[in-house]
PDB file of all heavy atoms in Angstrom:
ATOM      1  N   VAL A   1     145.065 -71.451 -23.027  1.00  0.00           N
ATOM      2  CA  VAL A   1     146.464 -71.008 -22.931  1.00  0.00           C
ATOM      3  C   VAL A   1     146.875 -70.258 -24.191  1.00  0.00           C
ATOM      4  O   VAL A   1     147.488 -69.186 -24.125  1.00  0.00           O
ATOM      5  CB  VAL A   1     147.407 -72.201 -22.669  1.00  0.00           C
ATOM      6  CG1 VAL A   1     148.863 -71.805 -22.846  1.00  0.00           C
ATOM      7  CG2 VAL A   1     147.172 -72.762 -21.272  1.00  0.00           C
ATOM      8  N   LEU A   2     146.528 -70.797 -25.355  1.00  0.00           N
ATOM      9  CA  LEU A   2     146.928 -70.162 -26.603  1.00  0.00           C
ATOM     10  C   LEU A   2     146.191 -68.848 -26.851  1.00  0.00           C
ATOM     11  O   LEU A   2     146.728 -67.937 -27.493  1.00  0.00           O
ATOM     12  CB  LEU A   2     146.741 -71.128 -27.769  1.00  0.00           C
ATOM     13  CG  LEU A   2     147.715 -72.313 -27.726  1.00  0.00           C
ATOM     14  CD1 LEU A   2     147.284 -73.394 -28.697  1.00  0.00           C
ATOM     15  CD2 LEU A   2     149.126 -71.859 -27.992  1.00  0.00           C
ATOM     16  N   ALA A   3     144.992 -68.705 -26.317  1.00  0.00           N
ATOM     17  CA  ALA A   3     144.281 -67.429 -26.422  1.00  0.00           C
ATOM     18  C   ALA A   3     144.973 -66.359 -25.570  1.00  0.00           C
ATOM     19  O   ALA A   3     145.094 -65.206 -25.978  1.00  0.00           O
ATOM     20  CB  ALA A   3     142.827 -67.598 -25.990  1.00  0.00           C
ATOM     21  N   ARG A   4     145.446 -66.770 -24.416  1.00  0.00           N
ATOM     22  CA  ARG A   4     146.129 -65.831 -23.520  1.00  0.00           C
ATOM     23  C   ARG A   4     147.567 -65.547 -23.963  1.00  0.00           C
ATOM     24  O   ARG A   4     148.100 -64.470 -23.703  1.00  0.00           O
ATOM     25  CB  ARG A   4     146.167 -66.384 -22.095  1.00  0.00           C
ATOM     26  CG  ARG A   4     144.845 -66.379 -21.414  1.00  0.00           C
ATOM     27  CD  ARG A   4     144.987 -66.854 -19.991  1.00  0.00           C
ATOM     28  NE  ARG A   4     143.698 -66.970 -19.361  1.00  0.00           N
ATOM     29  CZ  ARG A   4     143.547 -67.190 -18.064  1.00  0.00           C
ATOM     30  NH1 ARG A   4     144.605 -67.319 -17.287  1.00  0.00           N
ATOM     31  NH2 ARG A   4     142.344 -67.290 -17.550  1.00  0.00           N
ATOM     32  N   HIS A   5     148.188 -66.561 -24.563  1.00  0.00           N
ATOM     33  CA  HIS A   5     149.605 -66.456 -24.942  1.00  0.00           C
ATOM     34  C   HIS A   5     149.783 -66.920 -26.384  1.00  0.00           C
ATOM     35  O   HIS A   5     150.218 -68.044 -26.639  1.00  0.00           O
ATOM     36  CB  HIS A   5     150.465 -67.310 -24.004  1.00  0.00           C
ATOM     37  CG  HIS A   5     150.244 -67.014 -22.557  1.00  0.00           C
ATOM     38  ND1 HIS A   5     150.787 -65.912 -21.934  1.00  0.00           N
ATOM     39  CD2 HIS A   5     149.510 -67.658 -21.623  1.00  0.00           C
ATOM     40  CE1 HIS A   5     150.411 -65.900 -20.672  1.00  0.00           C
ATOM     41  NE2 HIS A   5     149.632 -66.939 -20.462  1.00  0.00           N
ATOM     42  N   PRO A   6     149.452 -66.056 -27.344  1.00  0.00           N
ATOM     43  CA  PRO A   6     149.584 -66.454 -28.759  1.00  0.00           C
ATOM     44  C   PRO A   6     151.032 -66.798 -29.103  1.00  0.00           C
ATOM     45  O   PRO A   6     151.973 -66.262 -28.528  1.00  0.00           O
ATOM     46  CB  PRO A   6     149.120 -65.223 -29.531  1.00  0.00           C
ATOM     47  CG  PRO A   6     148.647 -64.238 -28.541  1.00  0.00           C
ATOM     48  CD  PRO A   6     148.989 -64.708 -27.169  1.00  0.00           C
ATOM     49  N   ARG A   7     151.189 -67.670 -30.055  1.00  0.00           N
ATOM     50  CA  ARG A   7     152.512 -68.178 -30.409  1.00  0.00           C
ATOM     51  C   ARG A   7     153.355 -67.151 -31.162  1.00  0.00           C
ATOM     52  O   ARG A   7     154.565 -67.138 -31.050  1.00  0.00           O
ATOM     53  CB  ARG A   7     152.355 -69.469 -31.196  1.00  0.00           C
ATOM     54  CG  ARG A   7     151.693 -70.535 -30.289  1.00  0.00           C
ATOM     55  CD  ARG A   7     151.460 -71.835 -30.971  1.00  0.00           C
ATOM     56  NE  ARG A   7     152.627 -72.401 -31.582  1.00  0.00           N
ATOM     57  CZ  ARG A   7     153.642 -72.971 -30.939  1.00  0.00           C
ATOM     58  NH1 ARG A   7     153.631 -73.049 -29.634  1.00  0.00           N
ATOM     59  NH2 ARG A   7     154.666 -73.459 -31.609  1.00  0.00           N
ATOM     60  N   LEU A   8     152.745 -66.279 -31.938  1.00  0.00           N
ATOM     61  CA  LEU A   8     153.420 -65.138 -32.565  1.00  0.00           C
ATOM     62  C   LEU A   8     154.730 -65.503 -33.269  1.00  0.00           C
ATOM     63  O   LEU A   8     155.751 -64.829 -33.109  1.00  0.00           O
ATOM     64  CB  LEU A   8     153.671 -64.036 -31.519  1.00  0.00           C
ATOM     65  CG  LEU A   8     152.438 -63.507 -30.787  1.00  0.00           C
ATOM     66  CD1 LEU A   8     152.835 -62.526 -29.703  1.00  0.00           C
ATOM     67  CD2 LEU A   8     151.454 -62.891 -31.769  1.00  0.00           C
ATOM     68  N   GLY A   9     154.706 -66.581 -34.031  1.00  0.00           N
ATOM     69  CA  GLY A   9     155.892 -66.952 -34.812  1.00  0.00           C
ATOM     70  C   GLY A   9     156.978 -67.661 -34.023  1.00  0.00           C
ATOM     71  O   GLY A   9     158.131 -67.717 -34.463  1.00  0.00           O
ATOM     72  N   LEU A  10     156.611 -68.223 -32.879  1.00  0.00           N
ATOM     73  CA  LEU A  10     157.600 -68.908 -32.042  1.00  0.00           C
ATOM     74  C   LEU A  10     158.361 -69.982 -32.807  1.00  0.00           C
ATOM     75  O   LEU A  10     159.586 -70.068 -32.718  1.00  0.00           O
ATOM     76  CB  LEU A  10     156.933 -69.530 -30.809  1.00  0.00           C
ATOM     77  CG  LEU A  10     157.834 -70.424 -29.950  1.00  0.00           C
ATOM     78  CD1 LEU A  10     158.942 -69.608 -29.318  1.00  0.00           C
ATOM     79  CD2 LEU A  10     157.018 -71.140 -28.899  1.00  0.00           C
ATOM     80  N   GLY A  11     157.651 -70.798 -33.563  1.00  0.00           N
ATOM     81  CA  GLY A  11     158.302 -71.888 -34.285  1.00  0.00           C
ATOM     82  C   GLY A  11     159.350 -71.384 -35.268  1.00  0.00           C
ATOM     83  O   GLY A  11     160.470 -71.901 -35.311  1.00  0.00           O
ATOM     84  N   GLU A  12     158.999 -70.367 -36.032  1.00  0.00           N
ATOM     85  CA  GLU A  12     159.927 -69.816 -37.006  1.00  0.00           C
ATOM     86  C   GLU A  12     161.148 -69.210 -36.324  1.00  0.00           C
ATOM     87  O   GLU A  12     162.283 -69.367 -36.777  1.00  0.00           O
ATOM     88  CB  GLU A  12     159.242 -68.753 -37.879  1.00  0.00           C
ATOM     89  CG  GLU A  12     158.152 -69.304 -38.762  1.00  0.00           C
ATOM     90  CD  GLU A  12     156.794 -69.403 -38.060  1.00  0.00           C
ATOM     91  OE1 GLU A  12     156.673 -68.988 -36.880  1.00  0.00           O
ATOM     92  OE2 GLU A  12     155.856 -69.912 -38.689  1.00  0.00           O
ATOM     93  N   GLU A  13     160.913 -68.512 -35.221  1.00  0.00           N
ATOM     94  CA  GLU A  13     162.018 -67.896 -34.485  1.00  0.00           C
ATOM     95  C   GLU A  13     162.942 -68.970 -33.908  1.00  0.00           C
ATOM     96  O   GLU A  13     164.166 -68.859 -33.973  1.00  0.00           O
ATOM     97  CB  GLU A  13     161.463 -67.016 -33.368  1.00  0.00           C
ATOM     98  CG  GLU A  13     162.515 -66.251 -32.619  1.00  0.00           C
ATOM     99  CD  GLU A  13     161.942 -65.309 -31.568  1.00  0.00           C
ATOM    100  OE1 GLU A  13     160.743 -65.000 -31.613  1.00  0.00           O
ATOM    101  OE2 GLU A  13     162.719 -64.890 -30.692  1.00  0.00           O
ATOM    102  N   PHE A  14     162.355 -70.002 -33.332  1.00  0.00           N
ATOM    103  CA  PHE A  14     163.143 -71.087 -32.754  1.00  0.00           C
ATOM    104  C   PHE A  14     163.947 -71.795 -33.845  1.00  0.00           C
ATOM    105  O   PHE A  14     165.137 -72.079 -33.659  1.00  0.00           O
ATOM    106  CB  PHE A  14     162.206 -72.075 -32.042  1.00  0.00           C
ATOM    107  CG  PHE A  14     162.935 -73.053 -31.178  1.00  0.00           C
ATOM    108  CD1 PHE A  14     163.218 -72.758 -29.858  1.00  0.00           C
ATOM    109  CD2 PHE A  14     163.328 -74.282 -31.680  1.00  0.00           C
ATOM    110  CE1 PHE A  14     163.895 -73.671 -29.055  1.00  0.00           C
ATOM    111  CE2 PHE A  14     163.998 -75.195 -30.882  1.00  0.00           C
ATOM    112  CZ  PHE A  14     164.284 -74.888 -29.565  1.00  0.00           C
ATOM    113  N   LEU A  15     163.315 -72.052 -34.982  1.00  0.00           N
ATOM    114  CA  LEU A  15     164.003 -72.723 -36.081  1.00  0.00           C
ATOM    115  C   LEU A  15     165.169 -71.880 -36.589  1.00  0.00           C
ATOM    116  O   LEU A  15     166.239 -72.416 -36.885  1.00  0.00           O
ATOM    117  CB  LEU A  15     163.032 -73.043 -37.212  1.00  0.00           C
ATOM    118  CG  LEU A  15     163.626 -73.803 -38.394  1.00  0.00           C
ATOM    119  CD1 LEU A  15     164.271 -75.114 -37.952  1.00  0.00           C
ATOM    120  CD2 LEU A  15     162.538 -74.050 -39.427  1.00  0.00           C
ATOM    121  N   ALA A  16     164.990 -70.584 -36.669  1.00  0.00           N
ATOM    122  CA  ALA A  16     166.085 -69.711 -37.105  1.00  0.00           C
ATOM    123  C   ALA A  16     167.272 -69.827 -36.152  1.00  0.00           C
ATOM    124  O   ALA A  16     168.429 -69.875 -36.590  1.00  0.00           O
ATOM    125  CB  ALA A  16     165.607 -68.268 -37.199  1.00  0.00           C
ATOM    126  N   CYS A  17     166.996 -69.895 -34.859  1.00  0.00           N
ATOM    127  CA  CYS A  17     168.071 -70.067 -33.871  1.00  0.00           C
ATOM    128  C   CYS A  17     168.757 -71.412 -34.038  1.00  0.00           C
ATOM    129  O   CYS A  17     169.986 -71.509 -33.960  1.00  0.00           O
ATOM    130  CB  CYS A  17     167.513 -69.933 -32.452  1.00  0.00           C
ATOM    131  SG  CYS A  17     166.959 -68.276 -32.034  1.00  0.00           S
ATOM    132  N   PHE A  18     167.970 -72.470 -34.258  1.00  0.00           N
ATOM    133  CA  PHE A  18     168.544 -73.804 -34.467  1.00  0.00           C
ATOM    134  C   PHE A  18     169.431 -73.815 -35.706  1.00  0.00           C
ATOM    135  O   PHE A  18     170.529 -74.356 -35.689  1.00  0.00           O
ATOM    136  CB  PHE A  18     167.431 -74.840 -34.606  1.00  0.00           C
ATOM    137  CG  PHE A  18     167.292 -75.741 -33.413  1.00  0.00           C
ATOM    138  CD1 PHE A  18     167.265 -75.211 -32.128  1.00  0.00           C
ATOM    139  CD2 PHE A  18     167.176 -77.103 -33.549  1.00  0.00           C
ATOM    140  CE1 PHE A  18     167.126 -76.023 -31.033  1.00  0.00           C
ATOM    141  CE2 PHE A  18     167.034 -77.939 -32.452  1.00  0.00           C
ATOM    142  CZ  PHE A  18     167.015 -77.396 -31.189  1.00  0.00           C
ATOM    143  N   ARG A  19     168.944 -73.215 -36.787  1.00  0.00           N
ATOM    144  CA  ARG A  19     169.722 -73.187 -38.032  1.00  0.00           C
ATOM    145  C   ARG A  19     171.009 -72.398 -37.851  1.00  0.00           C
ATOM    146  O   ARG A  19     172.058 -72.792 -38.357  1.00  0.00           O
ATOM    147  CB  ARG A  19     168.882 -72.619 -39.165  1.00  0.00           C
ATOM    148  CG  ARG A  19     167.842 -73.599 -39.656  1.00  0.00           C
ATOM    149  CD  ARG A  19     167.002 -73.019 -40.768  1.00  0.00           C
ATOM    150  NE  ARG A  19     166.176 -74.035 -41.391  1.00  0.00           N
ATOM    151  CZ  ARG A  19     165.018 -73.792 -41.958  1.00  0.00           C
ATOM    152  NH1 ARG A  19     164.535 -72.552 -42.005  1.00  0.00           N
ATOM    153  NH2 ARG A  19     164.329 -74.780 -42.501  1.00  0.00           N
ATOM    154  N   ASP A  20     170.927 -71.294 -37.132  1.00  0.00           N
ATOM    155  CA  ASP A  20     172.117 -70.488 -36.870  1.00  0.00           C
ATOM    156  C   ASP A  20     173.148 -71.296 -36.084  1.00  0.00           C
ATOM    157  O   ASP A  20     174.330 -71.323 -36.433  1.00  0.00           O
ATOM    158  CB  ASP A  20     171.736 -69.219 -36.107  1.00  0.00           C
ATOM    159  CG  ASP A  20     172.945 -68.390 -35.740  1.00  0.00           C
ATOM    160  OD1 ASP A  20     173.643 -67.902 -36.667  1.00  0.00           O
ATOM    161  OD2 ASP A  20     173.216 -68.228 -34.533  1.00  0.00           O
ATOM    162  N   GLN A  21     172.695 -71.960 -35.035  1.00  0.00           N
ATOM    163  CA  GLN A  21     173.630 -72.759 -34.231  1.00  0.00           C
ATOM    164  C   GLN A  21     174.169 -73.924 -35.044  1.00  0.00           C
ATOM    165  O   GLN A  21     175.347 -74.254 -34.952  1.00  0.00           O
ATOM    166  CB  GLN A  21     172.966 -73.270 -32.956  1.00  0.00           C
ATOM    167  CG  GLN A  21     173.946 -74.032 -32.084  1.00  0.00           C
ATOM    168  CD  GLN A  21     173.379 -74.413 -30.737  1.00  0.00           C
ATOM    169  OE1 GLN A  21     172.302 -73.984 -30.355  1.00  0.00           O
ATOM    170  NE2 GLN A  21     174.108 -75.221 -30.004  1.00  0.00           N
ATOM    171  N   ALA A  22     173.332 -74.547 -35.842  1.00  0.00           N
ATOM    172  CA  ALA A  22     173.769 -75.677 -36.663  1.00  0.00           C
ATOM    173  C   ALA A  22     174.865 -75.261 -37.639  1.00  0.00           C
ATOM    174  O   ALA A  22     175.817 -76.008 -37.880  1.00  0.00           O
ATOM    175  CB  ALA A  22     172.587 -76.269 -37.420  1.00  0.00           C
ATOM    176  N   GLU A  23     174.722 -74.056 -38.177  1.00  0.00           N
ATOM    177  CA  GLU A  23     175.725 -73.555 -39.116  1.00  0.00           C
ATOM    178  C   GLU A  23     177.055 -73.288 -38.411  1.00  0.00           C
ATOM    179  O   GLU A  23     178.117 -73.605 -38.933  1.00  0.00           O
ATOM    180  CB  GLU A  23     175.205 -72.269 -39.760  1.00  0.00           C
ATOM    181  CG  GLU A  23     176.002 -71.849 -40.972  1.00  0.00           C
ATOM    182  CD  GLU A  23     175.337 -70.705 -41.695  1.00  0.00           C
ATOM    183  OE1 GLU A  23     174.148 -70.845 -42.057  1.00  0.00           O
ATOM    184  OE2 GLU A  23     176.004 -69.670 -41.876  1.00  0.00           O
ATOM    185  N   ARG A  24     176.979 -72.727 -37.217  1.00  0.00           N
ATOM    186  CA  ARG A  24     178.189 -72.413 -36.461  1.00  0.00           C
ATOM    187  C   ARG A  24     178.810 -73.639 -35.814  1.00  0.00           C
ATOM    188  O   ARG A  24     180.024 -73.693 -35.619  1.00  0.00           O
ATOM    189  CB  ARG A  24     177.886 -71.377 -35.372  1.00  0.00           C
ATOM    190  CG  ARG A  24     177.577 -69.992 -35.899  1.00  0.00           C
ATOM    191  CD  ARG A  24     177.313 -68.971 -34.801  1.00  0.00           C
ATOM    192  NE  ARG A  24     176.048 -69.228 -34.096  1.00  0.00           N
ATOM    193  CZ  ARG A  24     175.929 -69.696 -32.862  1.00  0.00           C
ATOM    194  NH1 ARG A  24     176.997 -69.952 -32.139  1.00  0.00           N
ATOM    195  NH2 ARG A  24     174.741 -69.903 -32.318  1.00  0.00           N
ATOM    196  N   LYS A  25     177.972 -74.624 -35.458  1.00  0.00           N
ATOM    197  CA  LYS A  25     178.434 -75.809 -34.727  1.00  0.00           C
ATOM    198  C   LYS A  25     177.858 -77.063 -35.377  1.00  0.00           C
ATOM    199  O   LYS A  25     176.868 -77.621 -34.920  1.00  0.00           O
ATOM    200  CB  LYS A  25     177.983 -75.740 -33.264  1.00  0.00           C
ATOM    201  CG  LYS A  25     178.484 -74.527 -32.518  1.00  0.00           C
ATOM    202  CD  LYS A  25     177.904 -74.497 -31.123  1.00  0.00           C
ATOM    203  CE  LYS A  25     178.341 -73.263 -30.372  1.00  0.00           C
ATOM    204  NZ  LYS A  25     177.773 -73.237 -29.018  1.00  0.00           N
ATOM    205  N   PRO A  26     178.464 -77.530 -36.464  1.00  0.00           N
ATOM    206  CA  PRO A  26     177.898 -78.649 -37.220  1.00  0.00           C
ATOM    207  C   PRO A  26     177.828 -79.974 -36.458  1.00  0.00           C
ATOM    208  O   PRO A  26     177.108 -80.877 -36.870  1.00  0.00           O
ATOM    209  CB  PRO A  26     178.808 -78.757 -38.432  1.00  0.00           C
ATOM    210  CG  PRO A  26     179.986 -77.920 -38.153  1.00  0.00           C
ATOM    211  CD  PRO A  26     179.644 -76.962 -37.076  1.00  0.00           C
ATOM    212  N   ASP A  27     178.519 -80.081 -35.329  1.00  0.00           N
ATOM    213  CA  ASP A  27     178.464 -81.317 -34.539  1.00  0.00           C
ATOM    214  C   ASP A  27     177.523 -81.205 -33.343  1.00  0.00           C
ATOM    215  O   ASP A  27     177.462 -82.106 -32.506  1.00  0.00           O
ATOM    216  CB  ASP A  27     179.866 -81.697 -34.055  1.00  0.00           C
ATOM    217  CG  ASP A  27     180.791 -82.056 -35.204  1.00  0.00           C
ATOM    218  OD1 ASP A  27     180.300 -82.621 -36.206  1.00  0.00           O
ATOM    219  OD2 ASP A  27     181.997 -81.755 -35.105  1.00  0.00           O
ATOM    220  N   SER A  28     176.755 -80.129 -33.260  1.00  0.00           N
ATOM    221  CA  SER A  28     175.882 -79.900 -32.113  1.00  0.00           C
ATOM    222  C   SER A  28     174.562 -80.666 -32.225  1.00  0.00           C
ATOM    223  O   SER A  28     174.198 -81.172 -33.289  1.00  0.00           O
ATOM    224  CB  SER A  28     175.571 -78.402 -31.993  1.00  0.00           C
ATOM    225  OG  SER A  28     174.800 -77.978 -33.099  1.00  0.00           O
TER     226      SER A  28
END
């Protein structure tokens, strides 16, 4: 699966989204 669909920074991108939402919505 990972050979066919490389992660390509998925974790970093997801974390950036989480941090952005956390900053905007501290109770989320």
